[in-house]
Amino acid sequence: MLKIYFAPLQGYTEDIYRRLHHQIIGGVDMYCTPFIRLEHGELRSKDLRDIRPEFNVGVPVLPQAIAKDGKELSTLVEAISSFSYKHIDINMGCPFPLQSKHGRGCGILPYPEKVEELMQVVQNHPELTFSVKMRLGYENADDWKNVLPILNKAPLTHISLHPRVGAQQYKGAIDKDAFREFKENCIHPVIYNGDILTVEDIQALETEFSDLEGVMIGRGLLARPTLAWEYKNGKRLTDVEVLQKIKLLHSRMLEHYERIIPTDPQRLNKIRTFWDFMENTLGRKNWKKIEKAGNMKNYLIACNI
């Protein structure tokens, strides 16, 4: 059975979502945190708060760092390891221009010398373990061919590969042939990431790539939070059962935001994103009612699906 990694999505998979998903639903082997980065040369306090041990008690968490060079990564590694984390994931896959245009995420892939710097940091910390999340390239789908030999020499636990280039973001075709070629040439365990929406998608990958280490799922789990549980337990939940789990998860998250966010408009802006990827799960009519609710009263009525 494949390991299930919950992919990090900024603004969605923060500590409260991870905790409650793990408690209420489960099925996930590892929750990757949204990447920790430097902003104007400084660590962002909200990133560090998200990985504080007291907010992740009992949850299998893999903190992720994004950096453009060895100096940035060294700073991030020191900060993350200060919370007693022993494993860090290095993001070389983020496609968003605010990061990639500055040489972070997939923007580092055309520059093997910069990847060498990151791997030197890995070598400098034998007390820790590291993994990498990446894409095929930035604009060129062959970028990985110059990067993989560097990664093969580094002591990594695994590599998660999303077989698109950064310029595609999350659109266009997945390149399964390139994934297969990458996997055949990679000495590390490989995790597949990208467009996994159903249990059948996971099972198909399990069949197609017999020695795959696992899969990383982001939008698919946000759309159907029970997906990993259903795969691990070999049981397809009914629509009613899925909705019961979703509503419980939502109500617990709302209770949390009621404690920490002072006004209804602010709470509504925060909690509404919970449903962003659930149109197919809820049906368009129900989903649109939630999207269009203009105040908390109407929102709660719309959520009573």
Protein backbone atom coordinates (compact mmCIF):
# COMPACT_ATOMS: atom_id res chain seq x y z
CA MET A 1 0.00 0.00 0.00
CA LEU A 2 1.32 3.43 -0.93
CA LYS A 3 2.16 6.08 1.64
CA ILE A 4 -0.10 9.13 1.48
CA TYR A 5 1.42 12.58 1.85
CA PHE A 6 -0.87 15.60 2.19
CA ALA A 7 0.62 18.25 -0.09
CA PRO A 8 1.13 21.76 1.32
CA LEU A 9 -1.18 24.47 0.02
CA GLN A 10 -0.68 28.00 1.27
CA GLY A 11 -3.78 29.31 3.02
CA TYR A 12 -5.44 25.89 3.26
CA THR A 13 -3.36 23.26 5.05
CA GLU A 14 -2.33 25.32 8.05
CA ASP A 15 -1.92 23.80 11.51
CA ILE A 16 -5.61 23.81 12.52
CA TYR A 17 -6.66 22.01 9.33
CA ARG A 18 -3.91 19.41 9.74
CA ARG A 19 -4.77 18.73 13.38
CA LEU A 20 -8.48 18.38 12.83
CA HIS A 21 -8.14 16.34 9.64
CA HIS A 22 -5.83 13.93 11.46
CA GLN A 23 -8.20 13.67 14.45
CA ILE A 24 -11.51 13.44 12.60
CA ILE A 25 -10.67 11.66 9.35
CA GLY A 26 -7.07 10.44 9.08
CA GLY A 27 -5.61 8.10 6.48
CA VAL A 28 -2.66 10.43 5.85
CA ASP A 29 0.86 9.22 6.67
CA MET A 30 2.49 12.65 6.57
CA TYR A 31 1.24 16.24 6.45
CA CYS A 32 3.65 18.59 4.67
CA THR A 33 3.51 22.17 5.92
CA PRO A 34 3.22 25.15 3.59
CA PHE A 35 6.77 26.26 2.85
CA ILE A 36 8.73 28.39 5.26
CA ARG A 37 10.63 31.21 3.57
CA LEU A 38 12.53 34.39 4.09
CA GLU A 39 10.88 37.71 3.35
CA HIS A 40 13.20 40.70 2.97
CA GLY A 41 15.89 38.56 4.53
CA GLU A 42 13.84 37.75 7.64
CA LEU A 43 11.96 34.69 8.79
CA ARG A 44 8.20 35.14 8.72
CA SER A 45 6.70 34.74 12.19
CA LYS A 46 3.46 33.21 10.86
CA ASP A 47 5.47 30.47 9.12
CA LEU A 48 7.28 29.62 12.32
CA ARG A 49 4.07 29.65 14.33
CA ASP A 50 2.55 27.09 11.96
CA ILE A 51 5.23 24.54 12.78
CA ARG A 52 5.47 25.15 16.52
CA PRO A 53 5.29 21.74 18.25
CA GLU A 54 2.41 22.77 20.53
CA PHE A 55 0.21 23.33 17.45
CA ASN A 56 1.11 19.97 15.91
CA VAL A 57 0.88 17.57 18.84
CA GLY A 58 0.26 14.02 17.66
CA VAL A 59 0.24 14.98 13.99
CA PRO A 60 2.87 13.52 11.62
CA VAL A 61 4.28 16.77 10.23
CA LEU A 62 6.98 17.38 7.63
CA PRO A 63 8.08 21.04 7.59
CA GLN A 64 9.03 22.42 4.20
CA ALA A 65 11.55 25.13 3.30
CA ILE A 66 11.90 27.12 0.09
CA ALA A 67 15.17 28.87 -0.74
CA LYS A 68 17.02 30.35 -3.70
CA ASP A 69 20.52 29.46 -2.48
CA GLY A 70 22.50 27.75 0.23
CA LYS A 71 22.61 30.79 2.48
CA GLU A 72 18.82 31.07 2.62
CA LEU A 73 18.41 27.36 3.18
CA SER A 74 20.96 27.33 6.01
CA THR A 75 18.99 30.03 7.82
CA LEU A 76 15.74 28.12 7.37
CA VAL A 77 17.25 24.80 8.47
CA GLU A 78 18.57 26.36 11.67
CA ALA A 79 15.14 27.84 12.44
CA ILE A 80 13.18 24.67 11.70
CA SER A 81 15.55 22.35 13.54
CA SER A 82 15.36 24.62 16.60
CA PHE A 83 11.85 23.20 17.09
CA SER A 84 13.38 19.70 17.27
CA TYR A 85 12.28 18.63 13.78
CA LYS A 86 14.67 16.02 12.39
CA HIS A 87 13.42 15.94 8.79
CA ILE A 88 12.98 18.86 6.39
CA ASP A 89 11.51 18.90 2.88
CA ILE A 90 13.10 21.24 0.34
CA ASN A 91 10.67 22.86 -2.11
CA MET A 92 12.01 22.94 -5.68
CA GLY A 93 8.58 22.74 -7.24
CA CYS A 94 6.47 25.79 -6.35
CA PRO A 95 5.23 27.24 -9.68
CA PHE A 96 3.91 30.59 -8.48
CA PRO A 97 5.71 33.54 -10.10
CA LEU A 98 6.23 35.42 -6.82
CA GLN A 99 8.63 32.63 -5.88
CA SER A 100 9.79 31.07 -9.14
CA LYS A 101 10.80 34.36 -10.77
CA HIS A 102 13.19 34.92 -7.88
CA GLY A 103 14.84 31.54 -8.29
CA ARG A 104 12.89 29.69 -5.62
CA GLY A 105 10.69 26.64 -6.06
CA CYS A 106 10.77 25.41 -9.65
CA GLY A 107 12.65 28.61 -10.53
CA ILE A 108 15.84 27.03 -9.20
CA LEU A 109 15.71 24.04 -11.58
CA PRO A 110 17.45 25.75 -14.55
CA TYR A 111 20.42 26.49 -12.29
CA PRO A 112 22.20 23.26 -11.23
CA GLU A 113 24.86 25.26 -9.42
CA LYS A 114 22.18 26.63 -7.09
CA VAL A 115 20.82 23.13 -6.52
CA GLU A 116 24.39 22.13 -5.63
CA GLU A 117 24.36 24.83 -2.94
CA LEU A 118 21.16 23.44 -1.45
CA MET A 119 22.56 19.92 -1.42
CA GLN A 120 25.72 21.16 0.27
CA VAL A 121 23.52 22.38 3.13
CA VAL A 122 22.06 18.89 3.28
CA GLN A 123 25.57 17.46 3.52
CA ASN A 124 26.41 19.96 6.28
CA HIS A 125 23.63 18.62 8.52
CA PRO A 126 24.16 14.87 8.97
CA GLU A 127 22.08 15.04 12.16
CA LEU A 128 19.00 15.75 10.01
CA THR A 129 17.30 14.02 7.09
CA PHE A 130 16.04 15.79 3.99
CA SER A 131 13.73 15.19 1.06
CA VAL A 132 12.92 17.21 -2.07
CA LYS A 133 9.67 18.20 -3.74
CA MET A 134 10.15 19.26 -7.38
CA ARG A 135 8.81 19.52 -10.91
CA LEU A 136 10.25 18.48 -14.26
CA GLY A 137 11.49 22.01 -14.82
CA TYR A 138 10.69 25.69 -14.85
CA GLU A 139 9.86 26.25 -18.53
CA ASN A 140 11.95 23.39 -19.95
CA ALA A 141 10.73 19.87 -19.17
CA ASP A 142 14.30 18.59 -19.37
CA ASP A 143 15.64 20.73 -16.49
CA TRP A 144 15.49 17.70 -14.20
CA LYS A 145 18.10 15.89 -16.29
CA ASN A 146 20.79 18.30 -15.16
CA VAL A 147 19.53 18.36 -11.57
CA LEU A 148 18.94 14.66 -10.86
CA PRO A 149 22.65 13.65 -10.86
CA ILE A 150 23.19 16.23 -8.11
CA LEU A 151 20.23 14.91 -6.11
CA ASN A 152 21.37 11.32 -6.59
CA LYS A 153 24.63 12.15 -4.81
CA ALA A 154 22.83 13.71 -1.84
CA PRO A 155 21.56 11.70 1.17
CA LEU A 156 17.85 12.23 0.56
CA THR A 157 15.07 10.06 1.96
CA HIS A 158 12.82 10.56 -1.07
CA ILE A 159 11.90 12.88 -3.94
CA SER A 160 8.33 13.95 -4.70
CA LEU A 161 7.88 14.75 -8.40
CA HIS A 162 5.01 16.65 -10.01
CA PRO A 163 5.44 15.83 -13.72
CA ARG A 164 4.64 19.26 -15.12
CA VAL A 165 6.81 22.31 -15.66
CA GLY A 166 6.29 25.38 -13.52
CA ALA A 167 4.96 27.43 -16.42
CA GLN A 168 1.95 25.07 -16.57
CA GLN A 169 1.16 25.62 -12.89
CA TYR A 170 -1.69 23.11 -12.44
CA LYS A 171 -3.03 23.07 -16.00
CA GLY A 172 -2.28 21.06 -19.10
CA ALA A 173 -1.19 17.47 -19.47
CA ILE A 174 0.73 15.46 -16.90
CA ASP A 175 3.84 13.89 -18.47
CA LYS A 176 3.77 10.30 -17.26
CA ASP A 177 6.56 9.29 -19.64
CA ALA A 178 8.87 11.89 -18.14
CA PHE A 179 7.91 10.73 -14.65
CA ARG A 180 8.79 7.16 -15.59
CA GLU A 181 12.15 8.23 -17.02
CA PHE A 182 12.89 10.29 -13.91
CA LYS A 183 11.98 7.41 -11.64
CA GLU A 184 14.15 4.95 -13.58
CA ASN A 185 17.16 7.23 -13.18
CA CYS A 186 16.55 8.27 -9.56
CA ILE A 187 18.32 6.27 -6.84
CA HIS A 188 16.00 7.59 -4.14
CA PRO A 189 12.43 6.47 -3.39
CA VAL A 190 10.00 8.50 -5.53
CA ILE A 191 6.60 9.91 -4.65
CA TYR A 192 4.10 10.86 -7.34
CA ASN A 193 2.33 14.21 -7.09
CA GLY A 194 -0.31 15.73 -9.36
CA ASP A 195 -3.98 15.39 -10.37
CA ILE A 196 -4.92 12.65 -7.90
CA LEU A 197 -8.64 13.03 -7.25
CA THR A 198 -10.02 9.54 -6.58
CA VAL A 199 -9.13 6.23 -4.96
CA GLU A 200 -9.04 4.82 -8.48
CA ASP A 201 -6.34 7.35 -9.40
CA ILE A 202 -4.18 6.13 -6.51
CA GLN A 203 -4.77 2.48 -7.39
CA ALA A 204 -3.90 3.11 -11.04
CA LEU A 205 -0.56 4.65 -10.02
CA GLU A 206 0.04 1.72 -7.67
CA THR A 207 -0.41 -0.63 -10.62
CA GLU A 208 1.50 1.44 -13.18
CA PHE A 209 4.53 2.05 -10.95
CA SER A 210 4.96 -1.10 -8.90
CA ASP A 211 7.74 0.17 -6.63
CA LEU A 212 6.40 3.68 -6.10
CA GLU A 213 7.07 4.95 -2.57
CA GLY A 214 3.84 6.89 -2.24
CA VAL A 215 1.64 9.67 -3.56
CA MET A 216 1.31 13.29 -2.56
CA ILE A 217 -2.20 14.72 -2.78
CA GLY A 218 -3.27 18.33 -2.31
CA ARG A 219 -6.35 19.55 -4.12
CA GLY A 220 -7.81 16.04 -4.25
CA LEU A 221 -7.80 15.80 -0.44
CA LEU A 222 -9.17 19.32 -0.03
CA ALA A 223 -11.98 18.36 -2.42
CA ARG A 224 -12.69 15.03 -0.72
CA PRO A 225 -11.07 14.99 2.73
CA THR A 226 -11.91 11.29 3.17
CA LEU A 227 -9.90 10.23 0.10
CA ALA A 228 -6.82 8.93 1.94
CA TRP A 229 -8.94 7.12 4.55
CA GLU A 230 -10.99 5.43 1.84
CA TYR A 231 -7.85 4.22 0.06
CA LYS A 232 -6.18 2.96 3.23
CA ASN A 233 -9.32 1.18 4.47
CA GLY A 234 -10.46 -0.18 1.11
CA LYS A 235 -13.92 1.21 1.68
CA ARG A 236 -15.85 3.69 -0.44
CA LEU A 237 -17.94 5.97 1.79
CA THR A 238 -21.40 7.03 0.66
CA ASP A 239 -22.03 10.66 -0.28
CA VAL A 240 -23.90 11.07 3.01
CA GLU A 241 -21.00 9.65 5.03
CA VAL A 242 -18.48 11.89 3.25
CA LEU A 243 -20.64 14.94 3.86
CA GLN A 244 -20.99 14.07 7.56
CA LYS A 245 -17.21 14.00 7.92
CA ILE A 246 -16.81 17.25 5.99
CA LYS A 247 -19.43 19.04 8.08
CA LEU A 248 -17.82 17.86 11.32
CA LEU A 249 -14.41 19.04 10.13
CA HIS A 250 -15.90 22.38 9.10
CA SER A 251 -17.77 22.90 12.38
CA ARG A 252 -14.64 22.20 14.44
CA MET A 253 -12.63 24.64 12.31
CA LEU A 254 -15.32 27.28 12.70
CA GLU A 255 -15.28 26.80 16.48
CA HIS A 256 -11.53 27.41 16.40
CA TYR A 257 -11.88 30.60 14.36
CA GLU A 258 -14.65 31.83 16.66
CA ARG A 259 -12.15 31.69 19.50
CA ILE A 260 -9.36 33.59 17.76
CA ILE A 261 -11.05 35.89 15.19
CA PRO A 262 -13.11 38.74 16.68
CA THR A 263 -15.75 39.56 14.03
CA ASP A 264 -18.13 37.67 11.77
CA PRO A 265 -16.88 39.25 8.50
CA GLN A 266 -13.30 38.29 9.34
CA ARG A 267 -14.33 34.77 10.32
CA LEU A 268 -16.35 34.40 7.15
CA ASN A 269 -13.41 35.42 4.98
CA LYS A 270 -11.24 32.87 6.74
CA ILE A 271 -13.59 29.88 6.84
CA ARG A 272 -15.15 30.23 3.39
CA THR A 273 -11.96 28.97 1.70
CA PHE A 274 -12.65 25.58 3.31
CA TRP A 275 -15.02 24.84 0.42
CA ASP A 276 -12.93 26.20 -2.47
CA PHE A 277 -12.15 22.82 -4.04
CA MET A 278 -15.41 21.03 -3.18
CA GLU A 279 -17.68 21.91 -6.10
CA ASN A 280 -17.74 18.33 -7.43
CA THR A 281 -18.16 16.87 -3.95
CA LEU A 282 -21.08 19.12 -2.96
CA GLY A 283 -22.69 19.62 -6.36
CA ARG A 284 -22.60 22.98 -8.10
CA LYS A 285 -25.90 24.25 -6.65
CA ASN A 286 -24.92 23.72 -3.02
CA TRP A 287 -21.38 24.95 -3.63
CA LYS A 288 -22.62 28.18 -5.25
CA LYS A 289 -24.92 28.90 -2.30
CA ILE A 290 -21.94 28.79 0.02
CA GLU A 291 -19.83 30.91 -2.32
CA LYS A 292 -22.51 33.58 -2.65
CA ALA A 293 -23.42 33.87 1.04
CA GLY A 294 -22.82 37.50 1.94
CA ASN A 295 -22.88 37.25 5.72
CA MET A 296 -22.33 34.66 8.43
CA LYS A 297 -26.04 33.98 8.95
CA ASN A 298 -26.65 33.15 5.29
CA TYR A 299 -23.36 31.26 5.13
CA LEU A 300 -24.36 28.94 7.98
CA ILE A 301 -27.74 28.35 6.34
CA ALA A 302 -25.97 27.48 3.07
CA CYS A 303 -23.60 25.11 4.89
CA ASN A 304 -26.54 23.11 6.28
CA ILE A 305 -26.49 20.93 3.19
